[in-house]
């Protein structure tokens, strides 16, 4: 796919999120498509202007959907970084902008999956997920074995 085709996918997904349809998954998918589009470059200015508008339209929906789980400032900041990445010309800054957007996309997927598990009828799995933080796996910083 070209950058403009990926950007159109991002626009479609962000539109769904802005309308309140499956907000977490739609926003995450939109961010993933937007990041891929931005990395390919040579984007149509009309398309990226529409994507930028939708990023800000999506932010209140995402903040409302994640209340108590993600700070609204983090959401607005990360979506702002995704917005800035579309027009950034400094390579060092560009990487950090995309990284911030990618972190939010991953957090939204994690919250979406957590919501799915919590709503299922697997009580033991739902309880285990609820008792653990968002981190996918814990790791020990010391030696692997204790003697």
Protein backbone atom coordinates (compact mmCIF):
# COMPACT_ATOMS: atom_id res chain seq x y z
CA UNK A 1 0.00 0.00 0.00
CA UNK A 2 1.10 3.56 -0.64
CA UNK A 3 1.37 6.21 2.04
CA UNK A 4 -1.84 7.88 0.87
CA UNK A 5 -3.75 4.58 0.90
CA UNK A 6 -2.56 3.91 4.44
CA UNK A 7 -3.47 7.44 5.42
CA UNK A 8 -6.98 6.86 4.06
CA UNK A 9 -7.22 3.72 6.23
CA UNK A 10 -6.12 5.83 9.21
CA UNK A 11 -8.78 8.41 8.39
CA UNK A 12 -11.47 5.74 8.17
CA UNK A 13 -10.44 4.20 11.51
CA UNK A 14 -10.13 7.55 13.27
CA UNK A 15 -13.56 8.54 11.92
CA UNK A 16 -15.04 5.46 13.55
CA UNK A 17 -13.34 6.32 16.83
CA UNK A 18 -14.53 9.94 16.66
CA UNK A 19 -18.09 8.68 16.10
CA UNK A 20 -17.80 6.48 19.19
CA UNK A 21 -17.70 3.12 17.41
CA UNK A 22 -15.28 0.74 19.13
CA UNK A 23 -13.19 3.72 20.23
CA UNK A 24 -10.11 1.97 21.64
CA UNK A 25 -9.59 -0.49 18.79
CA UNK A 26 -10.47 2.01 16.05
CA UNK A 27 -8.12 4.65 17.43
CA UNK A 28 -5.30 2.13 17.85
CA UNK A 29 -5.77 0.80 14.31
CA UNK A 30 -5.90 4.36 13.01
CA UNK A 31 -2.66 5.23 14.78
CA UNK A 32 -0.93 2.14 13.40
CA UNK A 33 -2.01 3.02 9.84
CA UNK A 34 -1.03 6.66 10.34
CA UNK A 35 2.43 5.68 11.60
CA UNK A 36 2.97 3.42 8.59
CA UNK A 37 1.77 6.17 6.24
CA UNK A 38 4.03 8.76 7.86
CA UNK A 39 7.03 6.47 7.53
CA UNK A 40 6.44 6.13 3.77
CA UNK A 41 6.23 9.88 3.26
CA UNK A 42 5.00 11.97 0.28
CA UNK A 43 1.50 12.32 1.66
CA UNK A 44 -1.33 14.31 0.13
CA UNK A 45 -1.74 17.54 2.16
CA UNK A 46 -5.55 17.31 2.02
CA UNK A 47 -5.45 13.79 3.44
CA UNK A 48 -3.07 14.55 6.26
CA UNK A 49 -5.05 17.70 7.14
CA UNK A 50 -8.13 15.49 7.48
CA UNK A 51 -6.18 12.98 9.58
CA UNK A 52 -4.93 15.79 11.83
CA UNK A 53 -8.47 17.06 12.33
CA UNK A 54 -9.66 13.57 13.23
CA UNK A 55 -6.84 13.04 15.73
CA UNK A 56 -8.14 15.98 17.74
CA UNK A 57 -11.76 14.91 17.29
CA UNK A 58 -10.89 11.45 18.60
CA UNK A 59 -9.02 12.62 21.70
CA UNK A 60 -12.08 13.40 23.91
CA UNK A 61 -13.68 10.06 23.01
CA UNK A 62 -10.53 8.14 23.90
CA UNK A 63 -10.11 10.10 27.13
CA UNK A 64 -13.72 9.35 28.11
CA UNK A 65 -13.32 5.66 27.26
CA UNK A 66 -10.13 5.30 29.32
CA UNK A 67 -11.10 7.45 32.31
CA UNK A 68 -9.30 6.23 35.41
CA UNK A 69 -6.97 4.02 33.35
CA UNK A 70 -4.97 6.47 31.24
CA UNK A 71 -4.33 10.12 32.02
CA UNK A 72 -6.10 12.47 29.61
CA UNK A 73 -2.87 14.47 29.31
CA UNK A 74 -1.08 11.37 28.05
CA UNK A 75 -3.77 10.77 25.42
CA UNK A 76 -3.80 14.35 24.18
CA UNK A 77 0.00 14.50 24.17
CA UNK A 78 0.41 11.25 22.23
CA UNK A 79 -2.27 12.14 19.68
CA UNK A 80 -0.59 15.54 19.33
CA UNK A 81 2.69 13.74 18.67
CA UNK A 82 1.01 11.67 15.94
CA UNK A 83 -0.30 14.91 14.49
CA UNK A 84 3.15 16.53 14.54
CA UNK A 85 4.78 13.46 12.97
CA UNK A 86 2.80 14.00 9.77
CA UNK A 87 4.63 17.24 9.04
CA UNK A 88 7.91 16.81 10.93
CA UNK A 89 11.12 17.18 8.93
CA UNK A 90 13.68 16.64 11.72
CA UNK A 91 14.66 12.93 11.80
CA UNK A 92 15.54 12.83 15.52
CA UNK A 93 12.32 14.53 16.57
CA UNK A 94 10.30 12.45 14.09
CA UNK A 95 11.38 9.17 15.72
CA UNK A 96 10.35 10.35 19.18
CA UNK A 97 7.00 11.62 17.90
CA UNK A 98 6.25 8.25 16.30
CA UNK A 99 7.40 6.41 19.42
CA UNK A 100 4.96 8.36 21.58
CA UNK A 101 2.11 7.60 19.18
CA UNK A 102 3.09 3.92 19.05
CA UNK A 103 3.08 3.68 22.86
CA UNK A 104 -0.46 5.06 23.00
CA UNK A 105 -1.60 2.66 20.25
CA UNK A 106 -0.19 -0.27 22.24
CA UNK A 107 -1.82 0.92 25.45
CA UNK A 108 -5.18 1.25 23.70
CA UNK A 109 -4.91 -2.31 22.34
CA UNK A 110 -4.02 -3.56 25.84
CA UNK A 111 -7.05 -1.81 27.33
CA UNK A 112 -9.30 -3.10 24.57
CA UNK A 113 -8.13 -6.69 25.15
CA UNK A 114 -8.49 -6.27 28.91
CA UNK A 115 -12.07 -5.08 28.41
CA UNK A 116 -12.78 -8.11 26.21
CA UNK A 117 -11.40 -10.51 28.81
CA UNK A 118 -13.25 -8.78 31.65
CA UNK A 119 -16.54 -9.08 29.79
CA UNK A 120 -16.16 -12.78 29.01
CA UNK A 121 -17.43 -15.62 31.15
CA UNK A 122 -13.96 -16.89 32.10
CA UNK A 123 -14.03 -15.64 35.68
CA UNK A 124 -10.58 -16.97 36.65
CA UNK A 125 -8.92 -15.39 33.61
CA UNK A 126 -10.77 -12.10 34.12
CA UNK A 127 -9.68 -12.05 37.79
CA UNK A 128 -6.05 -12.77 36.88
CA UNK A 129 -6.04 -9.98 34.30
CA UNK A 130 -7.68 -7.55 36.70
CA UNK A 131 -5.04 -8.20 39.36
CA UNK A 132 -2.10 -7.57 37.02
CA UNK A 133 -0.80 -4.26 35.67
CA UNK A 134 -0.88 -3.39 31.97
CA UNK A 135 2.68 -4.68 31.46
CA UNK A 136 2.66 -7.75 29.25
CA UNK A 137 5.26 -9.62 31.30
CA UNK A 138 7.18 -8.99 34.46
CA UNK A 139 10.92 -9.39 34.36
CA UNK A 140 13.55 -9.73 37.03
CA UNK A 141 16.48 -7.35 36.88
CA UNK A 142 18.78 -9.46 39.03
CA UNK A 143 20.26 -12.88 38.40
CA UNK A 144 17.89 -15.44 36.91
CA UNK A 145 18.62 -18.04 39.59
CA UNK A 146 19.16 -17.62 43.28
CA UNK A 147 21.71 -19.97 44.87
